[in-house]
C-alpha cells in the first residue's frame, strides 16, 4: 500500500497548490476542494480562511523539481 504524503504539486495549481495538495491527499476533485474552501472563507468572515491558507502554504512542502538535481 502506497503511503500518502501531503505535498503541494508543481502542476495543476492556481495560486500555490494548497487546495491541490489537500485534494490529492484526500482523493477528492480539486475543483470541489477549491469551492468548499472559498465558501468556508466567505462565510467565516474571510480572515481566518486567508490565515489558514498562509499557514498551510508554509507547512506543506512543495513537490521536488524533477529537473534540478540539488533539490
Protein backbone atom coordinates (compact mmCIF):
# COMPACT_ATOMS: atom_id res chain seq x y z
CA UNK A 1 0.00 0.00 0.00
CA UNK A 2 1.37 3.38 -1.03
CA UNK A 3 1.84 5.94 1.73
CA UNK A 4 0.07 9.23 1.03
CA UNK A 5 2.09 12.41 1.52
CA UNK A 6 0.76 15.93 1.77
CA UNK A 7 2.83 17.74 -0.88
CA UNK A 8 2.00 20.83 -2.94
CA UNK A 9 2.21 19.79 -6.62
CA UNK A 10 4.05 21.87 -9.21
CA UNK A 11 1.35 21.25 -11.84
CA UNK A 12 -2.40 21.78 -11.68
CA UNK A 13 -2.34 24.57 -9.15
CA UNK A 14 -3.91 28.02 -9.23
CA UNK A 15 -2.03 30.02 -6.58
CA UNK A 16 0.39 27.96 -4.57
CA UNK A 17 -1.06 24.46 -4.66
CA UNK A 18 -2.56 24.21 -1.17
CA UNK A 19 -6.02 23.15 -2.38
CA UNK A 20 -4.47 20.79 -4.94
CA UNK A 21 -2.36 19.20 -2.19
CA UNK A 22 -5.41 18.70 0.04
CA UNK A 23 -7.44 17.29 -2.87
CA UNK A 24 -4.70 14.82 -3.81
CA UNK A 25 -4.19 13.75 -0.20
CA UNK A 26 -7.88 13.07 0.46
CA UNK A 27 -8.64 11.73 -3.03
CA UNK A 28 -11.10 14.48 -3.93
CA UNK A 29 -11.62 16.60 -7.03
CA UNK A 30 -9.53 19.76 -6.77
CA UNK A 31 -12.42 21.93 -8.02
CA UNK A 32 -14.61 20.66 -5.19
CA UNK A 33 -11.93 21.47 -2.60
CA UNK A 34 -11.49 24.97 -4.04
CA UNK A 35 -15.25 25.66 -3.99
CA UNK A 36 -15.57 24.40 -0.41
CA UNK A 37 -12.57 26.48 0.66
CA UNK A 38 -13.93 29.66 -0.94
CA UNK A 39 -17.38 29.15 0.59
CA UNK A 40 -15.93 28.48 4.04
CA UNK A 41 -13.69 31.54 3.74
CA UNK A 42 -16.54 33.81 2.70
CA UNK A 43 -18.97 32.61 5.35
CA UNK A 44 -16.42 32.58 8.19
CA UNK A 45 -15.56 36.30 7.99
CA UNK A 46 -12.75 35.83 5.37
CA UNK A 47 -9.74 36.50 7.59
CA UNK A 48 -9.44 33.05 9.24
CA UNK A 49 -9.57 31.36 5.82
CA UNK A 50 -6.76 33.51 4.47
CA UNK A 51 -4.70 32.97 7.61
CA UNK A 52 -5.20 29.19 7.43
CA UNK A 53 -4.19 29.23 3.75
CA UNK A 54 -0.95 31.06 4.58
CA UNK A 55 -0.18 28.65 7.42
CA UNK A 56 -0.79 25.65 5.15
CA UNK A 57 1.37 27.26 2.46
CA UNK A 58 4.24 27.40 4.95
CA UNK A 59 3.68 23.94 6.44
CA UNK A 60 3.01 21.82 3.33
CA UNK A 61 6.25 21.16 1.42
CA UNK A 62 6.42 21.70 -2.32
CA UNK A 63 6.98 18.80 -4.69
CA UNK A 64 10.61 18.43 -5.71
CA UNK A 65 11.61 19.74 -9.11
CA UNK A 66 12.48 16.74 -11.25
CA UNK A 67 14.74 18.84 -13.45
CA UNK A 68 17.02 20.09 -10.66
CA UNK A 69 19.35 17.56 -9.04
CA UNK A 70 20.11 19.64 -5.92
CA UNK A 71 16.53 19.85 -4.61
